[in-house]
Amino acid sequence: MMGWALTACLSSSDCFRMDVFCAALVTDTLGTDDHGINQDAWAGLQEAQTSGLADQVAHIDSVDARDYSKNIAYFTERGYDIIFTSGVALDDVTLQSADLTPDSVFVGLNQTFEESRSNLISVTFPEDQMGFAAGTLAAKLTRTRIIAAVCETSGIDAMWRYCEGFRAGVASVDTTIDVLVVYRDNGDREKLFVDEDWGYETGSTLIRRGADVLFAAGGVTAQGALKAATEYGIHAIGAERDQAAALGESGSSVVTSFYGQTQLEVQEVMRMVKNGQFPENLEGQVQYVPLNPEFPLGWSEELNSLLESLFAGKIRTNVEKSR
């Protein structure tokens, strides 16, 4: 990283100037090859530079959680105007950095803050809408009329919204379909989001109970369930990132994945900040990985229309923000 850091330092010498707008990204330990929020955020910054929205952009892929503060400080010390941090793991250090450096704007992607700051913006994506859209698709895919969802602990509001949104989405299509929803509520706290074995075993059990479509959310825990779907040869739907790309052959059964349009939201926040607007909270739009041509074209058109209606508030999931 030191070689990269030296190059960034040389190229960012003008960031303290009022007429030079500099933007940076600090990722969690998944880096910019995560097929999700980090990759999309970095693409958004690059597009912003290409379009003239930003004069200089840079990023650091964090290798260790202990480096988060140091990586953010790298950019504040060089005068970067706006610094994006991605992932819930960086919420505390992002808030602390906003206190330490009031002249920079900090944007927490997929982060919520209990305290507000004039230079702190939260950008989140509606998990209930992602789950709802996944549920409507699952209802079209099932033949056994038994559908399953595997999520991390319901004690985390985002996980609750994913799976309860999924349940509501299935019901919006057909209330007679059996939906089996399982949360990792009694698992080891130290394995939060990384309990692949539990995800695999839970997914396998649900499939043996007749589920022929499986939805999963919750990091590596969810990926375990998606791997089980691939081994059993049933359709699966992912969340948080492009799980088919992330898992490779182990994710060949993943029909699509739903996650936030970070690339779009990053540029929108930059426009607002440059115009002197500093919203405290923004809820971004949802995207999904294009469906394979083997599925009817009408399904994609229906998903597009559904996501637009959900974002506009014309359709509501009726899922509470918290349990």
Foldseek 3Di string as FASTA:
>chain_A
DVVVLVVVLVVLQCLQPPVAAEEEEEEEQCALVQQFQNVLQVLLVVVCCVVVLHVYYYYDRDNDLVCLLVRVVSVLVSNHAEYEYEDQSCQVSQVVVCVVRVNHAYEYECYDDPDFDQRYAYEYAQLLLQLLLVLLVLLVADDLLEAEEEEEALQDLSRVSNPLSVVLNVVVNPVPRHYHYDYNHPDDPVCFLPPLVQLQVVLLVSVVVPHQEYEYDRHNSRLSNQLNNLVVVGAYEYERRFSCVNVPSSNPRYQKYKYFSNSVVSSVCSVCVVVVHRDHYHYGFMDMDDGDPVDDPVSVVVSVVSSVCPVVVVDDSPDDSGD
